[in-house]
Amino acid sequence: MVETDELFSMLAQERFVEVLYFASLATQVSDSAENQLAFGLSCCAVIQPIADYLRNRDGEHSREPGFCIPRTTKMVANGYLHLESAVKRSNSLETPSIVHSFCDSVRNDLIVYAFEDHPIGIQNEFPFSYPVAAWGAVAIIDRLGVPAKSDHYRDFYPYQFSVKFVEERLKDGLP
């Protein structure tokens, strides 16, 4: 079994696919806020290839695109739910400083993903759309004290809406 500190160490090294696997096991053994946080961040991180593709398509410099993830992936919505669960489990939860840079990259990828045109009318099992899940994850990453290299996104209505959306959902507590 992988310890929680090791999960965050792997995230700092951008080994998020491994964290997906080990965090899924860890949450079954100990459903702690920290394990949920690692699971949620790794779920959100898998959109990196989408964001890279979109940046490349738009002529912006980015990392080399990797494997392809469809825009309708459920990973962002599930990532949001794990992040929400982490905060519900511990109001004093903070993101370990070792993953701040990683989290800032994930936040930027979530913003790129959220601004992409998503097909209208996609049915999903979540009580929110994929872009709302992405903005909600951004709001939670901010709430967890991750410094942003650029905070221009905080002026956008979708972000402001999502901050309120997250607060309303957090009032409900754990299921």
C-alpha atoms as a PDB file:
ATOM      1  CA  MET A   1       0.000   0.000   0.000  1.00  0.00           C
ATOM      2  CA  VAL A   2       1.181   3.519  -0.745  1.00  0.00           C
ATOM      3  CA  GLU A   3       1.143   6.078   2.079  1.00  0.00           C
ATOM      4  CA  THR A   4      -0.583   9.432   1.593  1.00  0.00           C
ATOM      5  CA  ASP A   5       2.719  11.345   1.647  1.00  0.00           C
ATOM      6  CA  GLU A   6       3.935   9.152  -1.195  1.00  0.00           C
ATOM      7  CA  LEU A   7       0.783   9.942  -3.200  1.00  0.00           C
ATOM      8  CA  PHE A   8       1.566  13.656  -2.958  1.00  0.00           C
ATOM      9  CA  SER A   9       5.209  13.010  -3.839  1.00  0.00           C
ATOM     10  CA  MET A  10       4.074  11.189  -7.000  1.00  0.00           C
ATOM     11  CA  LEU A  11       1.729  14.067  -7.848  1.00  0.00           C
ATOM     12  CA  ALA A  12       4.611  16.522  -7.521  1.00  0.00           C
ATOM     13  CA  GLN A  13       6.425  14.375 -10.112  1.00  0.00           C
ATOM     14  CA  GLU A  14       3.299  14.477 -12.354  1.00  0.00           C
ATOM     15  CA  ARG A  15       2.793  10.721 -11.995  1.00  0.00           C
ATOM     16  CA  PHE A  16      -0.956  11.261 -11.784  1.00  0.00           C
ATOM     17  CA  VAL A  17      -1.932   8.043 -13.576  1.00  0.00           C
ATOM     18  CA  GLU A  18      -0.180   6.030 -10.859  1.00  0.00           C
ATOM     19  CA  VAL A  19      -1.850   8.182  -8.205  1.00  0.00           C
ATOM     20  CA  LEU A  20      -5.230   7.407  -9.774  1.00  0.00           C
ATOM     21  CA  TYR A  21      -4.616   3.727  -9.158  1.00  0.00           C
ATOM     22  CA  PHE A  22      -3.052   3.960  -5.707  1.00  0.00           C
ATOM     23  CA  ALA A  23      -5.465   6.634  -4.434  1.00  0.00           C
ATOM     24  CA  SER A  24      -8.432   4.521  -5.496  1.00  0.00           C
ATOM     25  CA  LEU A  25      -7.029   1.710  -3.338  1.00  0.00           C
ATOM     26  CA  ALA A  26      -6.095   4.053  -0.488  1.00  0.00           C
ATOM     27  CA  THR A  27      -9.598   5.546  -0.254  1.00  0.00           C
ATOM     28  CA  GLN A  28     -11.009   2.050   0.177  1.00  0.00           C
ATOM     29  CA  VAL A  29      -8.688   1.403   3.138  1.00  0.00           C
ATOM     30  CA  SER A  30      -8.824   4.900   4.658  1.00  0.00           C
ATOM     31  CA  ASP A  31     -11.341   7.359   3.272  1.00  0.00           C
ATOM     32  CA  SER A  32      -9.393  10.325   4.651  1.00  0.00           C
ATOM     33  CA  ALA A  33      -9.528  13.897   3.393  1.00  0.00           C
ATOM     34  CA  GLU A  34      -5.915  13.608   2.211  1.00  0.00           C
ATOM     35  CA  ASN A  35      -6.584  10.456   0.177  1.00  0.00           C
ATOM     36  CA  GLN A  36      -9.670  12.056  -1.355  1.00  0.00           C
ATOM     37  CA  LEU A  37      -7.592  15.147  -2.187  1.00  0.00           C
ATOM     38  CA  ALA A  38      -4.913  13.085  -3.956  1.00  0.00           C
ATOM     39  CA  PHE A  39      -7.603  11.123  -5.816  1.00  0.00           C
ATOM     40  CA  GLY A  40      -9.422  14.283  -6.907  1.00  0.00           C
ATOM     41  CA  LEU A  41      -6.273  16.048  -8.095  1.00  0.00           C
ATOM     42  CA  SER A  42      -5.179  13.003 -10.106  1.00  0.00           C
ATOM     43  CA  CYS A  43      -8.627  12.714 -11.717  1.00  0.00           C
ATOM     44  CA  CYS A  44      -8.487  16.362 -12.771  1.00  0.00           C
ATOM     45  CA  ALA A  45      -4.897  16.049 -14.014  1.00  0.00           C
ATOM     46  CA  VAL A  46      -5.817  13.598 -16.764  1.00  0.00           C
ATOM     47  CA  ILE A  47      -7.233  16.461 -18.831  1.00  0.00           C
ATOM     48  CA  GLN A  48      -3.688  17.701 -19.457  1.00  0.00           C
ATOM     49  CA  PRO A  49      -3.672  16.131 -22.958  1.00  0.00           C
ATOM     50  CA  ILE A  50      -6.944  17.903 -23.833  1.00  0.00           C
ATOM     51  CA  ALA A  51      -5.618  21.238 -22.646  1.00  0.00           C
ATOM     52  CA  ASP A  52      -2.322  20.686 -24.479  1.00  0.00           C
ATOM     53  CA  TYR A  53      -4.177  19.846 -27.690  1.00  0.00           C
ATOM     54  CA  LEU A  54      -6.321  22.981 -27.364  1.00  0.00           C
ATOM     55  CA  ARG A  55      -3.292  25.189 -26.700  1.00  0.00           C
ATOM     56  CA  ASN A  56      -1.460  23.663 -29.685  1.00  0.00           C
ATOM     57  CA  ARG A  57      -4.530  24.092 -31.880  1.00  0.00           C
ATOM     58  CA  ASP A  58      -4.721  27.754 -30.892  1.00  0.00           C
ATOM     59  CA  GLY A  59      -1.014  28.262 -31.575  1.00  0.00           C
ATOM     60  CA  GLU A  60       0.021  28.614 -27.941  1.00  0.00           C
ATOM     61  CA  HIS A  61       3.165  27.010 -26.562  1.00  0.00           C
ATOM     62  CA  SER A  62       2.479  23.965 -24.433  1.00  0.00           C
ATOM     63  CA  ARG A  63       3.881  20.657 -23.347  1.00  0.00           C
ATOM     64  CA  GLU A  64       3.984  17.950 -25.979  1.00  0.00           C
ATOM     65  CA  PRO A  65       0.522  16.447 -26.383  1.00  0.00           C
ATOM     66  CA  GLY A  66       0.215  12.954 -25.004  1.00  0.00           C
ATOM     67  CA  PHE A  67      -2.546  10.399 -25.255  1.00  0.00           C
ATOM     68  CA  CYS A  68      -6.001  11.593 -26.266  1.00  0.00           C
ATOM     69  CA  ILE A  69      -8.780  12.116 -23.718  1.00  0.00           C
ATOM     70  CA  PRO A  70     -12.243  13.075 -25.020  1.00  0.00           C
ATOM     71  CA  ARG A  71     -13.764  16.356 -23.899  1.00  0.00           C
ATOM     72  CA  THR A  72     -16.673  14.415 -22.444  1.00  0.00           C
ATOM     73  CA  THR A  73     -14.466  12.529 -20.003  1.00  0.00           C
ATOM     74  CA  LYS A  74     -16.082  11.879 -16.635  1.00  0.00           C
ATOM     75  CA  MET A  75     -12.731  12.288 -14.908  1.00  0.00           C
ATOM     76  CA  VAL A  76     -13.142  16.033 -14.292  1.00  0.00           C
ATOM     77  CA  ALA A  77     -16.577  15.595 -12.720  1.00  0.00           C
ATOM     78  CA  ASN A  78     -15.316  12.704 -10.592  1.00  0.00           C
ATOM     79  CA  GLY A  79     -12.240  14.726  -9.679  1.00  0.00           C
ATOM     80  CA  TYR A  80     -14.456  17.572  -8.550  1.00  0.00           C
ATOM     81  CA  LEU A  81     -16.517  15.178  -6.403  1.00  0.00           C
ATOM     82  CA  HIS A  82     -13.382  13.784  -4.732  1.00  0.00           C
ATOM     83  CA  LEU A  83     -12.081  17.309  -4.070  1.00  0.00           C
ATOM     84  CA  GLU A  84     -15.466  18.265  -2.630  1.00  0.00           C
ATOM     85  CA  SER A  85     -15.436  15.138  -0.476  1.00  0.00           C
ATOM     86  CA  ALA A  86     -11.943  15.996   0.799  1.00  0.00           C
ATOM     87  CA  VAL A  87     -13.069  19.457   1.920  1.00  0.00           C
ATOM     88  CA  LYS A  88     -16.225  18.045   3.513  1.00  0.00           C
ATOM     89  CA  ARG A  89     -14.083  15.617   5.516  1.00  0.00           C
ATOM     90  CA  SER A  90     -11.783  18.348   6.810  1.00  0.00           C
ATOM     91  CA  ASN A  91     -12.530  22.070   6.826  1.00  0.00           C
ATOM     92  CA  SER A  92      -8.905  22.771   7.771  1.00  0.00           C
ATOM     93  CA  LEU A  93      -7.478  20.737   4.879  1.00  0.00           C
ATOM     94  CA  GLU A  94      -4.631  22.399   2.993  1.00  0.00           C
ATOM     95  CA  THR A  95      -2.762  21.242  -0.058  1.00  0.00           C
ATOM     96  CA  PRO A  96       0.791  20.156   0.788  1.00  0.00           C
ATOM     97  CA  SER A  97       3.307  22.682  -0.551  1.00  0.00           C
ATOM     98  CA  ILE A  98       5.126  19.911  -2.437  1.00  0.00           C
ATOM     99  CA  VAL A  99       2.220  19.815  -4.932  1.00  0.00           C
ATOM    100  CA  HIS A 100       1.520  23.561  -5.279  1.00  0.00           C
ATOM    101  CA  SER A 101       3.253  23.828  -8.670  1.00  0.00           C
ATOM    102  CA  PHE A 102       1.478  20.681  -9.893  1.00  0.00           C
ATOM    103  CA  CYS A 103      -1.881  22.031  -8.658  1.00  0.00           C
ATOM    104  CA  ASP A 104      -1.298  25.356 -10.409  1.00  0.00           C
ATOM    105  CA  SER A 105      -0.721  23.465 -13.690  1.00  0.00           C
ATOM    106  CA  VAL A 106      -3.870  21.400 -13.114  1.00  0.00           C
ATOM    107  CA  ARG A 107      -5.840  24.581 -12.366  1.00  0.00           C
ATOM    108  CA  ASN A 108      -4.628  26.141 -15.636  1.00  0.00           C
ATOM    109  CA  ASP A 109      -5.570  22.992 -17.573  1.00  0.00           C
ATOM    110  CA  LEU A 110      -9.021  22.981 -15.954  1.00  0.00           C
ATOM    111  CA  ILE A 111      -9.555  26.600 -17.032  1.00  0.00           C
ATOM    112  CA  VAL A 112      -8.557  25.826 -20.630  1.00  0.00           C
ATOM    113  CA  TYR A 113     -10.856  22.788 -20.558  1.00  0.00           C
ATOM    114  CA  ALA A 114     -13.757  24.777 -19.069  1.00  0.00           C
ATOM    115  CA  PHE A 115     -13.563  27.430 -21.807  1.00  0.00           C
ATOM    116  CA  GLU A 116     -13.643  24.854 -24.590  1.00  0.00           C
ATOM    117  CA  ASP A 117     -16.924  24.416 -26.418  1.00  0.00           C
ATOM    118  CA  HIS A 118     -18.608  21.367 -24.972  1.00  0.00           C
ATOM    119  CA  PRO A 119     -21.298  19.640 -26.990  1.00  0.00           C
ATOM    120  CA  ILE A 120     -24.733  20.906 -25.977  1.00  0.00           C
ATOM    121  CA  GLY A 121     -27.163  18.445 -24.472  1.00  0.00           C
ATOM    122  CA  ILE A 122     -24.682  15.845 -23.273  1.00  0.00           C
ATOM    123  CA  GLN A 123     -26.453  13.677 -20.756  1.00  0.00           C
ATOM    124  CA  ASN A 124     -24.414  12.732 -17.729  1.00  0.00           C
ATOM    125  CA  GLU A 125     -25.164  11.306 -14.314  1.00  0.00           C
ATOM    126  CA  PHE A 126     -23.835  14.355 -12.480  1.00  0.00           C
ATOM    127  CA  PRO A 127     -26.014  17.205 -11.180  1.00  0.00           C
ATOM    128  CA  PHE A 128     -23.792  19.694 -13.052  1.00  0.00           C
ATOM    129  CA  SER A 129     -22.142  20.110 -16.443  1.00  0.00           C
ATOM    130  CA  TYR A 130     -18.516  19.258 -17.185  1.00  0.00           C
ATOM    131  CA  PRO A 131     -17.477  22.941 -17.387  1.00  0.00           C
ATOM    132  CA  VAL A 132     -19.120  23.611 -13.993  1.00  0.00           C
ATOM    133  CA  ALA A 133     -17.183  20.651 -12.572  1.00  0.00           C
ATOM    134  CA  ALA A 134     -13.946  22.110 -13.955  1.00  0.00           C
ATOM    135  CA  TRP A 135     -14.637  25.573 -12.511  1.00  0.00           C
ATOM    136  CA  GLY A 136     -15.722  23.968  -9.229  1.00  0.00           C
ATOM    137  CA  ALA A 137     -12.414  22.099  -9.039  1.00  0.00           C
ATOM    138  CA  VAL A 138     -10.589  25.398  -9.686  1.00  0.00           C
ATOM    139  CA  ALA A 139     -12.548  27.025  -6.849  1.00  0.00           C
ATOM    140  CA  ILE A 140     -11.665  24.182  -4.470  1.00  0.00           C
ATOM    141  CA  ILE A 141      -7.978  24.275  -5.440  1.00  0.00           C
ATOM    142  CA  ASP A 142      -8.059  27.995  -4.591  1.00  0.00           C
ATOM    143  CA  ARG A 143      -9.879  27.302  -1.333  1.00  0.00           C
ATOM    144  CA  LEU A 144      -7.157  24.817  -0.381  1.00  0.00           C
ATOM    145  CA  GLY A 145      -4.544  27.559  -0.431  1.00  0.00           C
ATOM    146  CA  VAL A 146      -2.704  26.826  -3.672  1.00  0.00           C
ATOM    147  CA  PRO A 147      -1.048  30.058  -4.824  1.00  0.00           C
ATOM    148  CA  ALA A 148      -1.824  31.053  -8.408  1.00  0.00           C
ATOM    149  CA  LYS A 149       0.883  32.393 -10.712  1.00  0.00           C
ATOM    150  CA  SER A 150      -1.885  34.357 -12.402  1.00  0.00           C
ATOM    151  CA  ASP A 151      -5.314  34.993 -10.917  1.00  0.00           C
ATOM    152  CA  HIS A 152      -6.960  36.674 -13.916  1.00  0.00           C
ATOM    153  CA  TYR A 153      -9.602  33.920 -13.991  1.00  0.00           C
ATOM    154  CA  ARG A 154     -11.108  35.151 -10.708  1.00  0.00           C
ATOM    155  CA  ASP A 155     -12.758  38.019 -12.609  1.00  0.00           C
ATOM    156  CA  PHE A 156     -14.692  35.642 -14.864  1.00  0.00           C
ATOM    157  CA  TYR A 157     -18.335  34.993 -14.117  1.00  0.00           C
ATOM    158  CA  PRO A 158     -18.027  31.169 -14.406  1.00  0.00           C
ATOM    159  CA  TYR A 159     -15.416  31.172 -11.640  1.00  0.00           C
ATOM    160  CA  GLN A 160     -17.479  33.464  -9.402  1.00  0.00           C
ATOM    161  CA  PHE A 161     -20.552  31.295 -10.014  1.00  0.00           C
ATOM    162  CA  SER A 162     -18.567  28.174  -9.144  1.00  0.00           C
ATOM    163  CA  VAL A 163     -17.301  29.611  -5.870  1.00  0.00           C
ATOM    164  CA  LYS A 164     -20.951  30.054  -4.827  1.00  0.00           C
ATOM    165  CA  PHE A 165     -21.867  26.651  -6.267  1.00  0.00           C
ATOM    166  CA  VAL A 166     -19.120  24.967  -4.225  1.00  0.00           C
ATOM    167  CA  GLU A 167     -20.114  26.786  -1.035  1.00  0.00           C
ATOM    168  CA  GLU A 168     -23.735  25.668  -1.446  1.00  0.00           C
ATOM    169  CA  ARG A 169     -22.710  22.055  -2.009  1.00  0.00           C
ATOM    170  CA  LEU A 170     -20.326  22.109   0.959  1.00  0.00           C
ATOM    171  CA  LYS A 171     -23.168  23.218   3.253  1.00  0.00           C
ATOM    172  CA  ASP A 172     -24.837  19.861   2.658  1.00  0.00           C
ATOM    173  CA  GLY A 173     -22.030  17.948   4.372  1.00  0.00           C
ATOM    174  CA  LEU A 174     -21.157  14.343   3.679  1.00  0.00           C
ATOM    175  CA  PRO A 175     -23.821  12.047   2.228  1.00  0.00           C
END
